[in-house]
């Protein structure tokens, strides 16, 4: 699975994606989630001290996510960020992982 993006197109798309994720997830602050986006790294901090990280990785032209003991590498394929190994989609993965951590279903 490979990206069909130039580096500059990747950078714009990844930045836009992380900003949208930040915007949506920052609305969950009252539920025990703090979201912080800085230099292409979106850090999600939970009240129990857990951290999830979602970041753009320019060299690989991917968005990477680490949550609990699992990591994903999402490539831009067919107009969505898709995990190479599992076929999972970025937004669905974030929705399920963050929702499970907060103990409720999320709609992103």
Protein backbone atom coordinates (compact mmCIF):
# COMPACT_ATOMS: atom_id res chain seq x y z
CA UNK A 1 0.00 0.00 0.00
CA UNK A 2 1.60 3.25 -1.07
CA UNK A 3 0.67 6.89 -1.13
CA UNK A 4 0.20 8.60 -4.45
CA UNK A 5 0.98 12.01 -2.97
CA UNK A 6 3.83 14.41 -3.45
CA UNK A 7 5.57 15.48 -0.25
CA UNK A 8 4.00 18.94 -0.39
CA UNK A 9 0.50 17.49 -0.97
CA UNK A 10 1.05 15.07 1.91
CA UNK A 11 2.10 17.89 4.24
CA UNK A 12 -1.03 19.92 3.46
CA UNK A 13 -3.36 16.95 3.77
CA UNK A 14 -1.77 15.64 6.97
CA UNK A 15 -1.84 19.10 8.58
CA UNK A 16 -5.51 19.54 7.65
CA UNK A 17 -6.36 16.09 9.04
CA UNK A 18 -4.57 16.68 12.34
CA UNK A 19 -6.20 20.10 12.73
CA UNK A 20 -9.66 18.61 12.14
CA UNK A 21 -8.98 15.83 14.64
CA UNK A 22 -7.79 18.41 17.16
CA UNK A 23 -10.91 20.50 16.65
CA UNK A 24 -13.24 17.55 17.18
CA UNK A 25 -11.36 15.98 20.08
CA UNK A 26 -10.87 19.25 21.97
CA UNK A 27 -14.67 19.24 22.50
CA UNK A 28 -14.17 16.24 24.83
CA UNK A 29 -12.20 18.18 27.44
CA UNK A 30 -15.06 17.97 29.96
CA UNK A 31 -15.00 14.18 29.62
CA UNK A 32 -11.39 13.71 30.69
CA UNK A 33 -9.48 14.24 27.46
CA UNK A 34 -7.02 17.01 26.74
CA UNK A 35 -5.92 17.41 23.12
CA UNK A 36 -2.84 19.38 22.10
CA UNK A 37 -1.52 19.88 18.56
CA UNK A 38 1.99 21.19 18.12
CA UNK A 39 4.44 20.84 15.21
CA UNK A 40 2.48 18.08 13.51
CA UNK A 41 2.03 16.03 16.70
CA UNK A 42 -1.42 15.61 18.22
CA UNK A 43 -1.16 14.43 21.82
CA UNK A 44 -4.23 13.14 23.60
CA UNK A 45 -3.90 13.13 27.39
CA UNK A 46 -6.44 11.31 29.52
CA UNK A 47 -7.26 11.92 33.19
CA UNK A 48 -5.70 8.58 34.16
CA UNK A 49 -2.33 9.68 32.73
CA UNK A 50 -2.54 7.69 29.49
CA UNK A 51 -1.39 9.38 26.29
CA UNK A 52 -2.18 8.66 22.68
CA UNK A 53 -0.11 10.26 19.94
CA UNK A 54 -1.10 10.93 16.34
CA UNK A 55 1.53 12.54 14.13
CA UNK A 56 2.48 13.17 10.55
CA UNK A 57 5.58 11.35 9.38
CA UNK A 58 6.79 13.20 6.31
CA UNK A 59 9.61 10.80 5.41
CA UNK A 60 7.15 7.90 5.13
CA UNK A 61 4.25 10.07 3.84
CA UNK A 62 2.08 8.60 6.58
CA UNK A 63 0.15 9.54 9.68
CA UNK A 64 1.22 7.43 12.64
CA UNK A 65 -0.85 6.69 15.72
CA UNK A 66 0.17 5.08 19.00
CA UNK A 67 -2.47 4.14 21.58
CA UNK A 68 -1.96 1.83 24.54
CA UNK A 69 0.34 -0.90 23.18
CA UNK A 70 -0.68 -0.63 19.53
CA UNK A 71 0.69 1.45 16.66
CA UNK A 72 -0.73 2.19 13.22
CA UNK A 73 0.81 3.64 10.07
CA UNK A 74 -1.88 5.25 7.91
CA UNK A 75 -1.26 5.90 4.21
CA UNK A 76 -3.44 8.03 1.94
CA UNK A 77 -5.23 5.45 -0.23
CA UNK A 78 -8.52 5.89 -2.12
CA UNK A 79 -9.15 9.27 -0.47
CA UNK A 80 -8.78 8.09 3.12
CA UNK A 81 -6.05 7.41 5.66
CA UNK A 82 -5.80 3.62 5.78
CA UNK A 83 -3.59 1.49 8.05
CA UNK A 84 -1.12 -0.58 6.06
CA UNK A 85 -1.35 -3.77 8.09
CA UNK A 86 -4.97 -3.84 9.19
CA UNK A 87 -6.91 -1.84 6.62
CA UNK A 88 -8.40 0.29 9.42
CA UNK A 89 -9.34 3.89 8.63
CA UNK A 90 -7.85 6.69 10.76
CA UNK A 91 -11.06 8.42 11.87
CA UNK A 92 -12.75 5.11 12.74
CA UNK A 93 -9.68 3.98 14.69
CA UNK A 94 -9.55 7.24 16.66
CA UNK A 95 -13.29 7.09 17.30
CA UNK A 96 -13.15 3.52 18.63
CA UNK A 97 -9.94 3.86 20.66
CA UNK A 98 -10.77 7.20 22.27
CA UNK A 99 -14.38 6.15 22.82
CA UNK A 100 -13.29 2.93 24.55
CA UNK A 101 -10.87 4.89 26.73
CA UNK A 102 -13.61 7.37 27.73
CA UNK A 103 -16.12 4.56 28.21
CA UNK A 104 -18.66 5.66 25.62
CA UNK A 105 -19.39 5.62 21.90
CA UNK A 106 -18.15 8.63 20.00
CA UNK A 107 -19.31 10.22 16.79
CA UNK A 108 -16.53 12.08 15.00
